Amino acid sequence: MGFSLVAWSESLDTGGVLQEMVALKDQHVTTKGDDILVPSFAPNLIALYALGATISQAQFSTPSLRERSLIDISPIDINAKPASNPRIVDFVHSPITLTAGEGARFFVAEGADGAERETGLAWLQGEAEDVPGGEIETIRCTATTTLTPYQWSLCELTLSQQLRAGKYAIVGMSAISAGAIAARLVIPGSAYRPGVIAFDAESDFGTTYGRYGGLGKWGEFEHVYPPQVEFLSVSADTSEVVYLDVIKVE
């Protein structure tokens, strides 16, 4: 399916009371302070994730949700960065419809002695696309970009092997770097930036939705124009690994 991953992150001393986080600057959606404006191409919420070393509460808010109820997020991931089996709140099978153009905000509370970094992620779905027929292949890719902590950092991917000439559908990914929180793809010609929780080790694992067609088709690329990747990390990593699940369609 067409979907995008967006993020909020801030160092806060909340005193145990919910406070909104600043939206991370983003080239593919509009951000204004604490707001990420819901894009018209992806107005449906399909998952949420809240992360922090002593995070105690998290909430997702938009004006349209206030007509019903705001989303109190449970479970939350009480860690400085993701570990295996991250606590994602999943609405994949019953997406929540938001209003295009409204501001989405992410609130957190924490119990640290002083300020602490908290991060929130949201997955926004657009038009769903089924997985095309064909065999899924997994391709290892690497990058050597120095990441900027707590910002989306764009990386050029180097594929570990040559692809046969033609067009490929992306149907999943995993991503690894030393301080990784999340990663998302920048696919040539696509409005979406689909992504996943990322990890610091090859042995970590996430939700099966992110791999092998669990979220449908993410987009397509020609073999000579592979996607780029954006990492969100706690540290200035210099080595990144991405595994792409692809199906040759032409």
C-alpha atoms as a PDB file:
ATOM      1  CA  MET A   1       0.000   0.000   0.000  1.00  0.00           C
ATOM      2  CA  GLY A   2       1.088   3.570  -0.425  1.00  0.00           C
ATOM      3  CA  PHE A   3       2.022   4.934   2.990  1.00  0.00           C
ATOM      4  CA  SER A   4       4.381   7.379   4.683  1.00  0.00           C
ATOM      5  CA  LEU A   5       6.250   7.423   7.979  1.00  0.00           C
ATOM      6  CA  VAL A   6       6.445  10.755   9.859  1.00  0.00           C
ATOM      7  CA  ALA A   7       8.041  11.689  13.186  1.00  0.00           C
ATOM      8  CA  TRP A   8       8.136  14.002  16.207  1.00  0.00           C
ATOM      9  CA  SER A   9      11.083  14.201  18.610  1.00  0.00           C
ATOM     10  CA  GLU A  10      12.158  16.546  21.391  1.00  0.00           C
ATOM     11  CA  SER A  11      14.110  16.680  24.655  1.00  0.00           C
ATOM     12  CA  LEU A  12      11.515  17.535  27.308  1.00  0.00           C
ATOM     13  CA  ASP A  13      11.114  17.759  31.053  1.00  0.00           C
ATOM     14  CA  THR A  14       7.399  17.031  31.287  1.00  0.00           C
ATOM     15  CA  GLY A  15       7.177  16.485  35.043  1.00  0.00           C
ATOM     16  CA  GLY A  16       4.981  13.479  34.331  1.00  0.00           C
ATOM     17  CA  VAL A  17       2.380  15.578  32.454  1.00  0.00           C
ATOM     18  CA  LEU A  18       1.548  15.187  28.766  1.00  0.00           C
ATOM     19  CA  GLN A  19       3.301  17.740  26.534  1.00  0.00           C
ATOM     20  CA  GLU A  20       3.405  17.997  22.760  1.00  0.00           C
ATOM     21  CA  MET A  21       6.672  17.350  20.877  1.00  0.00           C
ATOM     22  CA  VAL A  22       8.038  19.313  17.955  1.00  0.00           C
ATOM     23  CA  ALA A  23       7.484  17.824  14.496  1.00  0.00           C
ATOM     24  CA  LEU A  24      10.650  16.833  12.659  1.00  0.00           C
ATOM     25  CA  LYS A  25      11.365  18.849   9.520  1.00  0.00           C
ATOM     26  CA  ASP A  26      10.213  16.921   6.492  1.00  0.00           C
ATOM     27  CA  GLN A  27      10.555  17.447   2.752  1.00  0.00           C
ATOM     28  CA  HIS A  28       7.477  15.466   1.726  1.00  0.00           C
ATOM     29  CA  VAL A  29       4.834  16.732   4.181  1.00  0.00           C
ATOM     30  CA  THR A  30       4.209  20.158   5.695  1.00  0.00           C
ATOM     31  CA  THR A  31       5.309  20.771   9.292  1.00  0.00           C
ATOM     32  CA  LYS A  32       4.466  23.795  11.449  1.00  0.00           C
ATOM     33  CA  GLY A  33       5.964  23.760  14.927  1.00  0.00           C
ATOM     34  CA  ASP A  34       4.372  20.821  16.732  1.00  0.00           C
ATOM     35  CA  ASP A  35       2.038  20.026  13.815  1.00  0.00           C
ATOM     36  CA  ILE A  36       2.450  17.650  10.919  1.00  0.00           C
ATOM     37  CA  LEU A  37      -0.306  18.527   8.468  1.00  0.00           C
ATOM     38  CA  VAL A  38      -2.125  15.389   7.354  1.00  0.00           C
ATOM     39  CA  PRO A  39      -1.301  14.995   3.634  1.00  0.00           C
ATOM     40  CA  SER A  40      -4.131  14.576   1.147  1.00  0.00           C
ATOM     41  CA  PHE A  41      -2.311  11.633  -0.441  1.00  0.00           C
ATOM     42  CA  ALA A  42      -2.186   9.709   2.876  1.00  0.00           C
ATOM     43  CA  PRO A  43      -5.034  10.659   5.264  1.00  0.00           C
ATOM     44  CA  ASN A  44      -5.471   7.321   7.039  1.00  0.00           C
ATOM     45  CA  LEU A  45      -3.631   6.447  10.258  1.00  0.00           C
ATOM     46  CA  ILE A  46      -2.438   2.827  10.331  1.00  0.00           C
ATOM     47  CA  ALA A  47       0.092   2.721  13.215  1.00  0.00           C
ATOM     48  CA  LEU A  48       1.700   4.689  16.068  1.00  0.00           C
ATOM     49  CA  TYR A  49       4.884   4.256  18.102  1.00  0.00           C
ATOM     50  CA  ALA A  50       6.121   6.099  21.207  1.00  0.00           C
ATOM     51  CA  LEU A  51       9.718   5.752  22.447  1.00  0.00           C
ATOM     52  CA  GLY A  52      11.671   7.049  25.469  1.00  0.00           C
ATOM     53  CA  ALA A  53      13.906   5.735  28.263  1.00  0.00           C
ATOM     54  CA  THR A  54      11.401   6.651  31.012  1.00  0.00           C
ATOM     55  CA  ILE A  55       8.340   7.465  28.903  1.00  0.00           C
ATOM     56  CA  SER A  56       5.163   6.945  30.935  1.00  0.00           C
ATOM     57  CA  GLN A  57       2.314   8.052  28.654  1.00  0.00           C
ATOM     58  CA  ALA A  58       1.713   9.043  25.018  1.00  0.00           C
ATOM     59  CA  GLN A  59      -1.206  10.449  23.053  1.00  0.00           C
ATOM     60  CA  PHE A  60      -1.947  11.281  19.400  1.00  0.00           C
ATOM     61  CA  SER A  61      -4.196  14.240  18.614  1.00  0.00           C
ATOM     62  CA  THR A  62      -5.870  15.948  15.664  1.00  0.00           C
ATOM     63  CA  PRO A  63      -8.878  18.320  15.597  1.00  0.00           C
ATOM     64  CA  SER A  64     -11.065  15.682  13.918  1.00  0.00           C
ATOM     65  CA  LEU A  65     -10.182  13.115  16.595  1.00  0.00           C
ATOM     66  CA  ARG A  66     -11.390  15.531  19.273  1.00  0.00           C
ATOM     67  CA  GLU A  67     -14.916  15.039  17.913  1.00  0.00           C
ATOM     68  CA  ARG A  68     -14.586  11.398  19.034  1.00  0.00           C
ATOM     69  CA  SER A  69     -11.646  10.725  21.344  1.00  0.00           C
ATOM     70  CA  LEU A  70      -7.904  11.271  21.176  1.00  0.00           C
ATOM     71  CA  ILE A  71      -5.733   8.173  20.852  1.00  0.00           C
ATOM     72  CA  ASP A  72      -4.110   7.160  24.138  1.00  0.00           C
ATOM     73  CA  ILE A  73      -1.185   5.062  22.964  1.00  0.00           C
ATOM     74  CA  SER A  74      -0.632   1.688  24.597  1.00  0.00           C
ATOM     75  CA  PRO A  75       1.718  -0.115  24.646  1.00  0.00           C
ATOM     76  CA  ILE A  76       4.660   2.326  24.660  1.00  0.00           C
ATOM     77  CA  ASP A  77       8.335   1.426  24.197  1.00  0.00           C
ATOM     78  CA  ILE A  78      10.301   2.287  27.369  1.00  0.00           C
ATOM     79  CA  ASN A  79      13.746   2.326  25.794  1.00  0.00           C
ATOM     80  CA  ALA A  80      16.281   4.884  24.582  1.00  0.00           C
ATOM     81  CA  LYS A  81      16.145   3.244  21.145  1.00  0.00           C
ATOM     82  CA  PRO A  82      14.164   0.354  19.682  1.00  0.00           C
ATOM     83  CA  ALA A  83      14.889  -3.232  20.639  1.00  0.00           C
ATOM     84  CA  SER A  84      13.469  -6.417  19.155  1.00  0.00           C
ATOM     85  CA  ASN A  85       9.684  -6.670  18.991  1.00  0.00           C
ATOM     86  CA  PRO A  86       9.016  -2.912  19.385  1.00  0.00           C
ATOM     87  CA  ARG A  87       5.700  -1.831  20.908  1.00  0.00           C
ATOM     88  CA  ILE A  88       3.846  -0.599  17.833  1.00  0.00           C
ATOM     89  CA  VAL A  89       0.137   0.258  18.073  1.00  0.00           C
ATOM     90  CA  ASP A  90      -1.346  -1.250  14.941  1.00  0.00           C
ATOM     91  CA  PHE A  91      -4.476  -0.104  13.047  1.00  0.00           C
ATOM     92  CA  VAL A  92      -3.485  -1.749   9.746  1.00  0.00           C
ATOM     93  CA  HIS A  93      -6.700  -3.749   9.490  1.00  0.00           C
ATOM     94  CA  SER A  94      -8.973  -0.848  10.555  1.00  0.00           C
ATOM     95  CA  PRO A  95      -7.314   2.459   9.580  1.00  0.00           C
ATOM     96  CA  ILE A  96      -8.435   5.647  11.323  1.00  0.00           C
ATOM     97  CA  THR A  97      -9.502   8.331   8.858  1.00  0.00           C
ATOM     98  CA  LEU A  98      -8.097  11.810   9.542  1.00  0.00           C
ATOM     99  CA  THR A  99      -8.904  15.077   7.769  1.00  0.00           C
ATOM    100  CA  ALA A 100      -6.454  16.176   5.087  1.00  0.00           C
ATOM    101  CA  GLY A 101      -4.731  19.441   6.014  1.00  0.00           C
ATOM    102  CA  GLU A 102      -5.388  19.275   9.762  1.00  0.00           C
ATOM    103  CA  GLY A 103      -2.498  19.344  12.218  1.00  0.00           C
ATOM    104  CA  ALA A 104      -1.460  16.089  13.886  1.00  0.00           C
ATOM    105  CA  ARG A 105       0.298  16.332  17.255  1.00  0.00           C
ATOM    106  CA  PHE A 106       2.116  13.784  19.419  1.00  0.00           C
ATOM    107  CA  PHE A 107       2.061  14.182  23.225  1.00  0.00           C
ATOM    108  CA  VAL A 108       4.314  12.407  25.734  1.00  0.00           C
ATOM    109  CA  ALA A 109       4.954  12.299  29.483  1.00  0.00           C
ATOM    110  CA  GLU A 110       8.150  11.009  31.108  1.00  0.00           C
ATOM    111  CA  GLY A 111       9.619  10.427  34.542  1.00  0.00           C
ATOM    112  CA  ALA A 112      13.283  11.344  34.144  1.00  0.00           C
ATOM    113  CA  ASP A 113      15.134  13.584  36.600  1.00  0.00           C
ATOM    114  CA  GLY A 114      15.321  16.477  34.151  1.00  0.00           C
ATOM    115  CA  ALA A 115      14.883  16.640  30.397  1.00  0.00           C
ATOM    116  CA  GLU A 116      14.810  13.466  28.322  1.00  0.00           C
ATOM    117  CA  ARG A 117      14.550  12.778  24.591  1.00  0.00           C
ATOM    118  CA  GLU A 118      11.222  11.302  23.467  1.00  0.00           C
ATOM    119  CA  THR A 119      10.215  10.264  19.951  1.00  0.00           C
ATOM    120  CA  GLY A 120       6.886   9.516  18.288  1.00  0.00           C
ATOM    121  CA  LEU A 121       6.177   7.952  14.911  1.00  0.00           C
ATOM    122  CA  ALA A 122       3.009   7.740  12.817  1.00  0.00           C
ATOM    123  CA  TRP A 123       2.293   5.756   9.666  1.00  0.00           C
ATOM    124  CA  LEU A 124      -0.160   7.429   7.255  1.00  0.00           C
ATOM    125  CA  GLN A 125      -1.752   5.373   4.502  1.00  0.00           C
ATOM    126  CA  GLY A 126      -2.922   6.423   1.067  1.00  0.00           C
ATOM    127  CA  GLU A 127      -4.096   4.238  -1.766  1.00  0.00           C
ATOM    128  CA  ALA A 128      -3.612   0.548  -1.047  1.00  0.00           C
ATOM    129  CA  GLU A 129      -1.871  -1.572  -3.669  1.00  0.00           C
ATOM    130  CA  ASP A 130      -1.763  -5.364  -3.594  1.00  0.00           C
ATOM    131  CA  VAL A 131       1.490  -7.272  -3.798  1.00  0.00           C
ATOM    132  CA  PRO A 132       2.139  -8.136  -7.455  1.00  0.00           C
ATOM    133  CA  GLY A 133       2.610 -11.708  -8.558  1.00  0.00           C
ATOM    134  CA  GLY A 134       6.116 -13.080  -8.577  1.00  0.00           C
ATOM    135  CA  GLU A 135       8.892 -14.275  -6.326  1.00  0.00           C
ATOM    136  CA  ILE A 136      10.123 -12.050  -3.498  1.00  0.00           C
ATOM    137  CA  GLU A 137      13.868 -11.413  -3.508  1.00  0.00           C
ATOM    138  CA  THR A 138      15.790  -9.734  -0.672  1.00  0.00           C
ATOM    139  CA  ILE A 139      18.677  -7.427  -1.605  1.00  0.00           C
ATOM    140  CA  ARG A 140      21.231  -6.136   0.921  1.00  0.00           C
ATOM    141  CA  CYS A 141      22.205  -2.477   0.534  1.00  0.00           C
ATOM    142  CA  THR A 142      24.706  -0.293   2.392  1.00  0.00           C
ATOM    143  CA  ALA A 143      25.474   3.392   2.938  1.00  0.00           C
ATOM    144  CA  THR A 144      28.261   5.370   4.612  1.00  0.00           C
ATOM    145  CA  THR A 145      26.497   8.656   5.336  1.00  0.00           C
ATOM    146  CA  THR A 146      27.155  10.515   8.596  1.00  0.00           C
ATOM    147  CA  LEU A 147      23.712  10.842  10.146  1.00  0.00           C
ATOM    148  CA  THR A 148      22.509  13.949  11.972  1.00  0.00           C
ATOM    149  CA  PRO A 149      21.001  12.901  15.318  1.00  0.00           C
ATOM    150  CA  TYR A 150      17.230  13.305  15.600  1.00  0.00           C
ATOM    151  CA  GLN A 151      16.751  14.463  12.027  1.00  0.00           C
ATOM    152  CA  TRP A 152      15.837  12.623   8.851  1.00  0.00           C
ATOM    153  CA  SER A 153      19.210  12.028   7.139  1.00  0.00           C
ATOM    154  CA  LEU A 154      19.252  11.105   3.450  1.00  0.00           C
ATOM    155  CA  CYS A 155      21.575   8.266   2.380  1.00  0.00           C
ATOM    156  CA  GLU A 156      22.559   6.946  -1.046  1.00  0.00           C
ATOM    157  CA  LEU A 157      22.263   3.164  -1.146  1.00  0.00           C
ATOM    158  CA  THR A 158      24.811   0.851  -2.735  1.00  0.00           C
ATOM    159  CA  LEU A 159      23.317  -2.498  -3.712  1.00  0.00           C
ATOM    160  CA  SER A 160      25.368  -5.556  -2.795  1.00  0.00           C
ATOM    161  CA  GLN A 161      24.631  -7.231  -6.122  1.00  0.00           C
ATOM    162  CA  GLN A 162      23.606  -6.335  -9.638  1.00  0.00           C
ATOM    163  CA  LEU A 163      19.912  -6.461 -10.469  1.00  0.00           C
ATOM    164  CA  ARG A 164      18.578  -7.869 -13.694  1.00  0.00           C
ATOM    165  CA  ALA A 165      17.450  -5.106 -16.037  1.00  0.00           C
ATOM    166  CA  GLY A 166      13.833  -4.090 -15.491  1.00  0.00           C
ATOM    167  CA  LYS A 167      11.355  -2.701 -12.975  1.00  0.00           C
ATOM    168  CA  TYR A 168      11.007  -3.833  -9.368  1.00  0.00           C
ATOM    169  CA  ALA A 169       8.194  -3.487  -6.825  1.00  0.00           C
ATOM    170  CA  ILE A 170       9.234  -2.862  -3.225  1.00  0.00           C
ATOM    171  CA  VAL A 171       7.252  -4.991  -0.748  1.00  0.00           C
ATOM    172  CA  GLY A 172       9.251  -4.628   2.474  1.00  0.00           C
ATOM    173  CA  MET A 173      12.456  -3.567   4.165  1.00  0.00           C
ATOM    174  CA  SER A 174      14.544  -3.707   7.326  1.00  0.00           C
ATOM    175  CA  ALA A 175      17.154  -1.141   8.367  1.00  0.00           C
ATOM    176  CA  ILE A 176      20.131  -1.126  10.721  1.00  0.00           C
ATOM    177  CA  SER A 177      22.573   1.461  12.114  1.00  0.00           C
ATOM    178  CA  ALA A 178      24.215   1.937  15.504  1.00  0.00           C
ATOM    179  CA  GLY A 179      21.735   4.495  16.862  1.00  0.00           C
ATOM    180  CA  ALA A 180      18.782   3.788  14.600  1.00  0.00           C
ATOM    181  CA  ILE A 181      15.198   4.597  15.515  1.00  0.00           C
ATOM    182  CA  ALA A 182      13.496   4.453  12.104  1.00  0.00           C
ATOM    183  CA  ALA A 183      14.180   4.459   8.384  1.00  0.00           C
ATOM    184  CA  ARG A 184      12.085   5.269   5.329  1.00  0.00           C
ATOM    185  CA  LEU A 185      12.523   5.061   1.583  1.00  0.00           C
ATOM    186  CA  VAL A 186      12.657   7.883  -0.941  1.00  0.00           C
ATOM    187  CA  ILE A 187      11.399   6.225  -4.124  1.00  0.00           C
ATOM    188  CA  PRO A 188      11.857   8.014  -7.465  1.00  0.00           C
ATOM    189  CA  GLY A 189       8.531   9.444  -8.672  1.00  0.00           C
ATOM    190  CA  SER A 190       6.571   8.536  -5.511  1.00  0.00           C
ATOM    191  CA  ALA A 191       4.855  10.968  -3.126  1.00  0.00           C
ATOM    192  CA  TYR A 192       5.124   8.441  -0.289  1.00  0.00           C
ATOM    193  CA  ARG A 193       8.034   7.796   2.062  1.00  0.00           C
ATOM    194  CA  PRO A 194       7.282   4.329   3.461  1.00  0.00           C
ATOM    195  CA  GLY A 195       9.335   3.131   6.390  1.00  0.00           C
ATOM    196  CA  VAL A 196       9.849   0.928   9.406  1.00  0.00           C
ATOM    197  CA  ILE A 197      11.257   0.855  12.929  1.00  0.00           C
ATOM    198  CA  ALA A 198      15.033   0.438  12.563  1.00  0.00           C
ATOM    199  CA  PHE A 199      17.497  -1.360  14.818  1.00  0.00           C
ATOM    200  CA  ASP A 200      21.114  -1.354  15.962  1.00  0.00           C
ATOM    201  CA  ALA A 201      21.842  -5.028  15.262  1.00  0.00           C
ATOM    202  CA  GLU A 202      21.183  -7.642  12.587  1.00  0.00           C
ATOM    203  CA  SER A 203      19.703  -9.945  15.232  1.00  0.00           C
ATOM    204  CA  ASP A 204      16.873  -7.558  16.171  1.00  0.00           C
ATOM    205  CA  PHE A 205      13.475  -8.027  14.566  1.00  0.00           C
ATOM    206  CA  GLY A 206      10.323  -5.991  14.085  1.00  0.00           C
ATOM    207  CA  THR A 207       6.741  -6.504  13.031  1.00  0.00           C
ATOM    208  CA  THR A 208       6.213  -8.919  10.150  1.00  0.00           C
ATOM    209  CA  TYR A 209       4.054  -6.256   8.445  1.00  0.00           C
ATOM    210  CA  GLY A 210       7.231  -4.484   7.368  1.00  0.00           C
ATOM    211  CA  ARG A 211       8.563  -7.455   5.409  1.00  0.00           C
ATOM    212  CA  TYR A 212       7.622  -9.741   2.527  1.00  0.00           C
ATOM    213  CA  GLY A 213       4.473  -8.001   1.332  1.00  0.00           C
ATOM    214  CA  GLY A 214       2.733  -7.536   4.694  1.00  0.00           C
ATOM    215  CA  LEU A 215       1.885  -3.911   3.795  1.00  0.00           C
ATOM    216  CA  GLY A 216       1.271  -4.467   0.095  1.00  0.00           C
ATOM    217  CA  LYS A 217       3.318  -2.742  -2.593  1.00  0.00           C
ATOM    218  CA  TRP A 218       5.318   0.270  -1.392  1.00  0.00           C
ATOM    219  CA  GLY A 219       6.363   1.579  -4.818  1.00  0.00           C
ATOM    220  CA  GLU A 220       8.438   0.704  -7.868  1.00  0.00           C
ATOM    221  CA  PHE A 221      11.879   1.542  -9.250  1.00  0.00           C
ATOM    222  CA  GLU A 222      13.956   0.848 -12.330  1.00  0.00           C
ATOM    223  CA  HIS A 223      17.030  -1.276 -11.694  1.00  0.00           C
ATOM    224  CA  VAL A 224      19.359   1.648 -12.529  1.00  0.00           C
ATOM    225  CA  TYR A 225      17.507   4.070 -10.178  1.00  0.00           C
ATOM    226  CA  PRO A 226      17.192   2.356  -6.778  1.00  0.00           C
ATOM    227  CA  PRO A 227      15.541   4.203  -3.893  1.00  0.00           C
ATOM    228  CA  GLN A 228      17.396   6.318  -1.354  1.00  0.00           C
ATOM    229  CA  VAL A 229      16.832   5.922   2.371  1.00  0.00           C
ATOM    230  CA  GLU A 230      16.353   8.395   5.216  1.00  0.00           C
ATOM    231  CA  PHE A 231      17.465   7.317   8.699  1.00  0.00           C
ATOM    232  CA  LEU A 232      16.322   8.743  12.030  1.00  0.00           C
ATOM    233  CA  SER A 233      19.015   8.028  14.630  1.00  0.00           C
ATOM    234  CA  VAL A 234      20.022   8.968  18.170  1.00  0.00           C
ATOM    235  CA  SER A 235      23.666   9.319  17.062  1.00  0.00           C
ATOM    236  CA  ALA A 236      25.933  10.412  14.196  1.00  0.00           C
ATOM    237  CA  ASP A 237      26.252   6.937  12.682  1.00  0.00           C
ATOM    238  CA  THR A 238      28.497   6.420   9.659  1.00  0.00           C
ATOM    239  CA  SER A 239      27.468   2.941   8.536  1.00  0.00           C
ATOM    240  CA  GLU A 240      23.953   1.924   7.479  1.00  0.00           C
ATOM    241  CA  VAL A 241      22.477  -1.350   6.193  1.00  0.00           C
ATOM    242  CA  VAL A 242      19.120  -1.822   4.463  1.00  0.00           C
ATOM    243  CA  TYR A 243      17.484  -5.037   3.257  1.00  0.00           C
ATOM    244  CA  LEU A 244      14.947  -4.480   0.464  1.00  0.00           C
ATOM    245  CA  ASP A 245      12.254  -7.039  -0.323  1.00  0.00           C
ATOM    246  CA  VAL A 246      11.484  -6.728  -4.030  1.00  0.00           C
ATOM    247  CA  ILE A 247       9.565  -8.450  -6.820  1.00  0.00           C
ATOM    248  CA  LYS A 248      10.615  -8.116 -10.458  1.00  0.00           C
ATOM    249  CA  VAL A 249       7.514  -6.926 -12.337  1.00  0.00           C
ATOM    250  CA  GLU A 250       8.930  -6.107 -15.789  1.00  0.00           C
END
